[in-house]
PDB file of all heavy atoms in Angstrom:
ATOM      1  N   ARG A   1      41.641  46.174-164.603  1.00  0.00           N
ATOM      2  CA  ARG A   1      41.087  46.477-165.902  1.00  0.00           C
ATOM      3  C   ARG A   1      41.714  47.780-166.464  1.00  0.00           C
ATOM      4  O   ARG A   1      42.067  47.901-167.651  1.00  0.00           O
ATOM      5  CB  ARG A   1      39.559  46.646-165.784  1.00  0.00           C
ATOM      6  CG  ARG A   1      38.857  46.847-167.111  1.00  0.00           C
ATOM      7  CD  ARG A   1      37.418  47.221-166.907  1.00  0.00           C
ATOM      8  NE  ARG A   1      36.720  46.258-166.107  1.00  0.00           N
ATOM      9  CZ  ARG A   1      35.959  46.566-165.061  1.00  0.00           C
ATOM     10  NH1 ARG A   1      35.802  47.846-164.696  1.00  0.00           N
ATOM     11  NH2 ARG A   1      35.319  45.630-164.403  1.00  0.00           N
ATOM     12  N   PHE A   2      41.860  48.751-165.586  1.00  0.00           N
ATOM     13  CA  PHE A   2      42.450  50.044-165.982  1.00  0.00           C
ATOM     14  C   PHE A   2      43.903  49.834-166.433  1.00  0.00           C
ATOM     15  O   PHE A   2      44.332  50.372-167.475  1.00  0.00           O
ATOM     16  CB  PHE A   2      42.388  51.019-164.812  1.00  0.00           C
ATOM     17  CG  PHE A   2      43.128  52.311-165.061  1.00  0.00           C
ATOM     18  CD1 PHE A   2      42.540  53.318-165.804  1.00  0.00           C
ATOM     19  CD2 PHE A   2      44.403  52.538-164.557  1.00  0.00           C
ATOM     20  CE1 PHE A   2      43.186  54.528-166.040  1.00  0.00           C
ATOM     21  CE2 PHE A   2      45.068  53.703-164.768  1.00  0.00           C
ATOM     22  CZ  PHE A   2      44.450  54.708-165.514  1.00  0.00           C
ATOM     23  N   ALA A   3      44.660  49.081-165.641  1.00  0.00           N
ATOM     24  CA  ALA A   3      46.067  48.862-165.979  1.00  0.00           C
ATOM     25  C   ALA A   3      46.236  48.189-167.313  1.00  0.00           C
ATOM     26  O   ALA A   3      47.070  48.557-168.147  1.00  0.00           O
ATOM     27  CB  ALA A   3      46.736  48.054-164.870  1.00  0.00           C
ATOM     28  N   GLU A   4      45.374  47.207-167.543  1.00  0.00           N
ATOM     29  CA  GLU A   4      45.459  46.483-168.842  1.00  0.00           C
ATOM     30  C   GLU A   4      45.116  47.399-169.980  1.00  0.00           C
ATOM     31  O   GLU A   4      45.776  47.372-171.046  1.00  0.00           O
ATOM     32  CB  GLU A   4      44.502  45.286-168.804  1.00  0.00           C
ATOM     33  CG  GLU A   4      44.516  44.476-170.093  1.00  0.00           C
ATOM     34  CD  GLU A   4      43.537  43.315-170.042  1.00  0.00           C
ATOM     35  OE1 GLU A   4      42.820  43.166-169.033  1.00  0.00           O
ATOM     36  OE2 GLU A   4      43.510  42.525-171.023  1.00  0.00           O
ATOM     37  N   ALA A   5      44.095  48.214-169.810  1.00  0.00           N
ATOM     38  CA  ALA A   5      43.643  49.083-170.905  1.00  0.00           C
ATOM     39  C   ALA A   5      44.620  50.198-171.193  1.00  0.00           C
ATOM     40  O   ALA A   5      44.778  50.639-172.334  1.00  0.00           O
ATOM     41  CB  ALA A   5      42.281  49.663-170.550  1.00  0.00           C
ATOM     42  N   GLU A   6      45.326  50.687-170.163  1.00  0.00           N
ATOM     43  CA  GLU A   6      46.212  51.865-170.326  1.00  0.00           C
ATOM     44  C   GLU A   6      47.668  51.523-170.420  1.00  0.00           C
ATOM     45  O   GLU A   6      48.512  52.416-170.481  1.00  0.00           O
ATOM     46  CB  GLU A   6      45.968  52.828-169.122  1.00  0.00           C
ATOM     47  CG  GLU A   6      44.541  53.343-169.031  1.00  0.00           C
ATOM     48  CD  GLU A   6      44.164  54.234-170.193  1.00  0.00           C
ATOM     49  OE1 GLU A   6      45.050  54.780-170.865  1.00  0.00           O
ATOM     50  OE2 GLU A   6      42.966  54.430-170.424  1.00  0.00           O
ATOM     51  N   GLY A   7      48.010  50.234-170.377  1.00  0.00           N
ATOM     52  CA  GLY A   7      49.391  49.860-170.554  1.00  0.00           C
ATOM     53  C   GLY A   7      50.253  49.997-169.303  1.00  0.00           C
ATOM     54  O   GLY A   7      51.443  50.281-169.403  1.00  0.00           O
ATOM     55  N   PHE A   8      49.656  49.814-168.133  1.00  0.00           N
ATOM     56  CA  PHE A   8      50.396  49.866-166.881  1.00  0.00           C
ATOM     57  C   PHE A   8      50.609  48.476-166.323  1.00  0.00           C
ATOM     58  O   PHE A   8      49.859  47.540-166.619  1.00  0.00           O
ATOM     59  CB  PHE A   8      49.657  50.700-165.838  1.00  0.00           C
ATOM     60  CG  PHE A   8      49.623  52.174-166.115  1.00  0.00           C
ATOM     61  CD1 PHE A   8      48.435  52.769-166.565  1.00  0.00           C
ATOM     62  CD2 PHE A   8      50.725  52.946-165.931  1.00  0.00           C
ATOM     63  CE1 PHE A   8      48.397  54.144-166.816  1.00  0.00           C
ATOM     64  CE2 PHE A   8      50.700  54.303-166.189  1.00  0.00           C
ATOM     65  CZ  PHE A   8      49.554  54.919-166.625  1.00  0.00           C
ATOM     66  N   GLN A   9      51.633  48.355-165.508  1.00  0.00           N
ATOM     67  CA  GLN A   9      51.872  47.091-164.752  1.00  0.00           C
ATOM     68  C   GLN A   9      51.829  47.407-163.270  1.00  0.00           C
ATOM     69  O   GLN A   9      52.617  48.207-162.773  1.00  0.00           O
ATOM     70  CB  GLN A   9      53.228  46.491-165.126  1.00  0.00           C
ATOM     71  CG  GLN A   9      53.526  45.206-164.363  1.00  0.00           C
ATOM     72  CD  GLN A   9      54.906  44.656-164.642  1.00  0.00           C
ATOM     73  OE1 GLN A   9      55.693  45.307-165.339  1.00  0.00           O
ATOM     74  NE2 GLN A   9      55.196  43.480-164.143  1.00  0.00           N
ATOM     75  N   ILE A  10      50.919  46.761-162.569  1.00  0.00           N
ATOM     76  CA  ILE A  10      50.826  46.938-161.129  1.00  0.00           C
ATOM     77  C   ILE A  10      51.942  46.135-160.482  1.00  0.00           C
ATOM     78  O   ILE A  10      51.892  44.913-160.458  1.00  0.00           O
ATOM     79  CB  ILE A  10      49.427  46.530-160.584  1.00  0.00           C
ATOM     80  CG1 ILE A  10      48.351  47.406-161.215  1.00  0.00           C
ATOM     81  CG2 ILE A  10      49.407  46.600-159.058  1.00  0.00           C
ATOM     82  CD1 ILE A  10      46.932  47.002-160.828  1.00  0.00           C
ATOM     83  N   VAL A  11      52.937  46.856-159.944  1.00  0.00           N
ATOM     84  CA  VAL A  11      54.120  46.191-159.381  1.00  0.00           C
ATOM     85  C   VAL A  11      53.997  45.948-157.883  1.00  0.00           C
ATOM     86  O   VAL A  11      54.786  45.195-157.285  1.00  0.00           O
ATOM     87  CB  VAL A  11      55.406  46.968-159.703  1.00  0.00           C
ATOM     88  CG1 VAL A  11      55.646  46.995-161.222  1.00  0.00           C
ATOM     89  CG2 VAL A  11      55.315  48.405-159.150  1.00  0.00           C
ATOM     90  N   ALA A  12      53.050  46.622-157.249  1.00  0.00           N
ATOM     91  CA  ALA A  12      52.830  46.414-155.833  1.00  0.00           C
ATOM     92  C   ALA A  12      51.429  46.889-155.478  1.00  0.00           C
ATOM     93  O   ALA A  12      50.866  47.747-156.151  1.00  0.00           O
ATOM     94  CB  ALA A  12      53.845  47.214-154.981  1.00  0.00           C
ATOM     95  N   GLU A  13      50.865  46.300-154.430  1.00  0.00           N
ATOM     96  CA  GLU A  13      49.516  46.644-154.024  1.00  0.00           C
ATOM     97  C   GLU A  13      49.511  46.869-152.511  1.00  0.00           C
ATOM     98  O   GLU A  13      50.062  46.084-151.743  1.00  0.00           O
ATOM     99  CB  GLU A  13      48.541  45.505-154.376  1.00  0.00           C
ATOM    100  CG  GLU A  13      47.119  45.767-153.893  1.00  0.00           C
ATOM    101  CD  GLU A  13      46.205  44.567-154.160  1.00  0.00           C
ATOM    102  OE1 GLU A  13      45.802  44.390-155.301  1.00  0.00           O
ATOM    103  OE2 GLU A  13      45.897  43.821-153.208  1.00  0.00           O
ATOM    104  N   HIS A  14      48.902  47.944-152.083  1.00  0.00           N
ATOM    105  CA  HIS A  14      48.783  48.287-150.652  1.00  0.00           C
ATOM    106  C   HIS A  14      47.278  48.416-150.319  1.00  0.00           C
ATOM    107  O   HIS A  14      46.572  49.169-150.934  1.00  0.00           O
ATOM    108  CB  HIS A  14      49.530  49.578-150.338  1.00  0.00           C
ATOM    109  CG  HIS A  14      51.026  49.449-150.444  1.00  0.00           C
ATOM    110  ND1 HIS A  14      51.806  49.089-149.374  1.00  0.00           N
ATOM    111  CD2 HIS A  14      51.833  49.575-151.502  1.00  0.00           C
ATOM    112  CE1 HIS A  14      53.074  49.034-149.766  1.00  0.00           C
ATOM    113  NE2 HIS A  14      53.111  49.316-151.061  1.00  0.00           N
ATOM    114  N   VAL A  15      46.866  47.653-149.315  1.00  0.00           N
ATOM    115  CA  VAL A  15      45.462  47.616-148.941  1.00  0.00           C
ATOM    116  C   VAL A  15      45.320  48.172-147.517  1.00  0.00           C
ATOM    117  O   VAL A  15      46.066  47.781-146.631  1.00  0.00           O
ATOM    118  CB  VAL A  15      44.917  46.178-148.978  1.00  0.00           C
ATOM    119  CG1 VAL A  15      43.449  46.144-148.552  1.00  0.00           C
ATOM    120  CG2 VAL A  15      45.055  45.587-150.377  1.00  0.00           C
ATOM    121  N   GLU A  16      44.379  49.051-147.346  1.00  0.00           N
ATOM    122  CA  GLU A  16      44.166  49.729-146.066  1.00  0.00           C
ATOM    123  C   GLU A  16      42.720  49.622-145.645  1.00  0.00           C
ATOM    124  O   GLU A  16      41.791  49.717-146.452  1.00  0.00           O
ATOM    125  CB  GLU A  16      44.508  51.214-146.249  1.00  0.00           C
ATOM    126  CG  GLU A  16      44.813  51.943-144.957  1.00  0.00           C
ATOM    127  CD  GLU A  16      46.272  52.317-144.873  1.00  0.00           C
ATOM    128  OE1 GLU A  16      46.731  53.077-145.726  1.00  0.00           O
ATOM    129  OE2 GLU A  16      46.949  51.809-143.946  1.00  0.00           O
ATOM    130  N   VAL A  17      42.511  49.390-144.360  1.00  0.00           N
ATOM    131  CA  VAL A  17      41.170  49.454-143.741  1.00  0.00           C
ATOM    132  C   VAL A  17      41.224  50.576-142.741  1.00  0.00           C
ATOM    133  O   VAL A  17      41.650  50.402-141.622  1.00  0.00           O
ATOM    134  CB  VAL A  17      40.779  48.123-143.084  1.00  0.00           C
ATOM    135  CG1 VAL A  17      39.385  48.216-142.494  1.00  0.00           C
ATOM    136  CG2 VAL A  17      40.850  46.978-144.082  1.00  0.00           C
ATOM    137  N   GLU A  18      40.805  51.741-143.149  1.00  0.00           N
ATOM    138  CA  GLU A  18      40.928  52.938-142.301  1.00  0.00           C
ATOM    139  C   GLU A  18      40.048  54.020-142.830  1.00  0.00           C
ATOM    140  O   GLU A  18      39.787  54.141-144.012  1.00  0.00           O
ATOM    141  CB  GLU A  18      42.380  53.385-142.237  1.00  0.00           C
ATOM    142  CG  GLU A  18      42.643  54.579-141.323  1.00  0.00           C
ATOM    143  CD  GLU A  18      42.133  54.383-139.910  1.00  0.00           C
ATOM    144  OE1 GLU A  18      42.814  53.765-139.100  1.00  0.00           O
ATOM    145  OE2 GLU A  18      41.003  54.840-139.648  1.00  0.00           O
ATOM    146  N   THR A  19      39.605  54.908-141.921  1.00  0.00           N
ATOM    147  CA  THR A  19      38.812  56.061-142.324  1.00  0.00           C
ATOM    148  C   THR A  19      39.670  57.055-143.081  1.00  0.00           C
ATOM    149  O   THR A  19      40.888  57.076-142.900  1.00  0.00           O
ATOM    150  CB  THR A  19      38.184  56.733-141.112  1.00  0.00           C
ATOM    151  OG1 THR A  19      37.428  57.860-141.561  1.00  0.00           O
ATOM    152  CG2 THR A  19      39.231  57.205-140.147  1.00  0.00           C
ATOM    153  N   GLY A  20      39.024  57.878-143.876  1.00  0.00           N
ATOM    154  CA  GLY A  20      39.776  58.922-144.591  1.00  0.00           C
ATOM    155  C   GLY A  20      39.627  60.262-143.894  1.00  0.00           C
ATOM    156  O   GLY A  20      40.063  61.273-144.423  1.00  0.00           O
ATOM    157  N   LYS A  21      39.010  60.308-142.706  1.00  0.00           N
ATOM    158  CA  LYS A  21      38.717  61.573-142.056  1.00  0.00           C
ATOM    159  C   LYS A  21      39.827  61.980-141.132  1.00  0.00           C
ATOM    160  O   LYS A  21      40.582  61.151-140.587  1.00  0.00           O
ATOM    161  CB  LYS A  21      37.389  61.465-141.303  1.00  0.00           C
ATOM    162  CG  LYS A  21      36.169  61.172-142.159  1.00  0.00           C
ATOM    163  CD  LYS A  21      34.948  61.061-141.296  1.00  0.00           C
ATOM    164  CE  LYS A  21      33.687  60.773-142.143  1.00  0.00           C
ATOM    165  NZ  LYS A  21      32.473  60.606-141.321  1.00  0.00           N
ATOM    166  N   GLY A  22      39.896  63.261-140.852  1.00  0.00           N
ATOM    167  CA  GLY A  22      40.810  63.773-139.862  1.00  0.00           C
ATOM    168  C   GLY A  22      42.097  64.357-140.460  1.00  0.00           C
ATOM    169  O   GLY A  22      42.561  63.888-141.491  1.00  0.00           O
ATOM    170  N   SER A  23      42.624  65.362-139.783  1.00  0.00           N
ATOM    171  CA  SER A  23      43.833  65.997-140.263  1.00  0.00           C
ATOM    172  C   SER A  23      45.052  65.095-140.201  1.00  0.00           C
ATOM    173  O   SER A  23      46.049  65.306-140.894  1.00  0.00           O
ATOM    174  CB  SER A  23      44.120  67.273-139.452  1.00  0.00           C
ATOM    175  OG  SER A  23      44.268  66.967-138.073  1.00  0.00           O
ATOM    176  N   ASP A  24      44.973  64.059-139.326  1.00  0.00           N
ATOM    177  CA  ASP A  24      46.091  63.128-139.184  1.00  0.00           C
ATOM    178  C   ASP A  24      45.829  61.821-139.949  1.00  0.00           C
ATOM    179  O   ASP A  24      46.394  60.773-139.578  1.00  0.00           O
ATOM    180  CB  ASP A  24      46.359  62.817-137.714  1.00  0.00           C
ATOM    181  CG  ASP A  24      45.183  62.114-137.048  1.00  0.00           C
ATOM    182  OD1 ASP A  24      44.057  62.211-137.569  1.00  0.00           O
ATOM    183  OD2 ASP A  24      45.410  61.447-136.011  1.00  0.00           O
TER     184      ASP A  24
END
């Protein structure tokens, strides 16, 4: 929805299943 409204084209998508915690 954002891409359509703002004139962007999503050329690739990366999906992650992982925590956002930790320095690494």
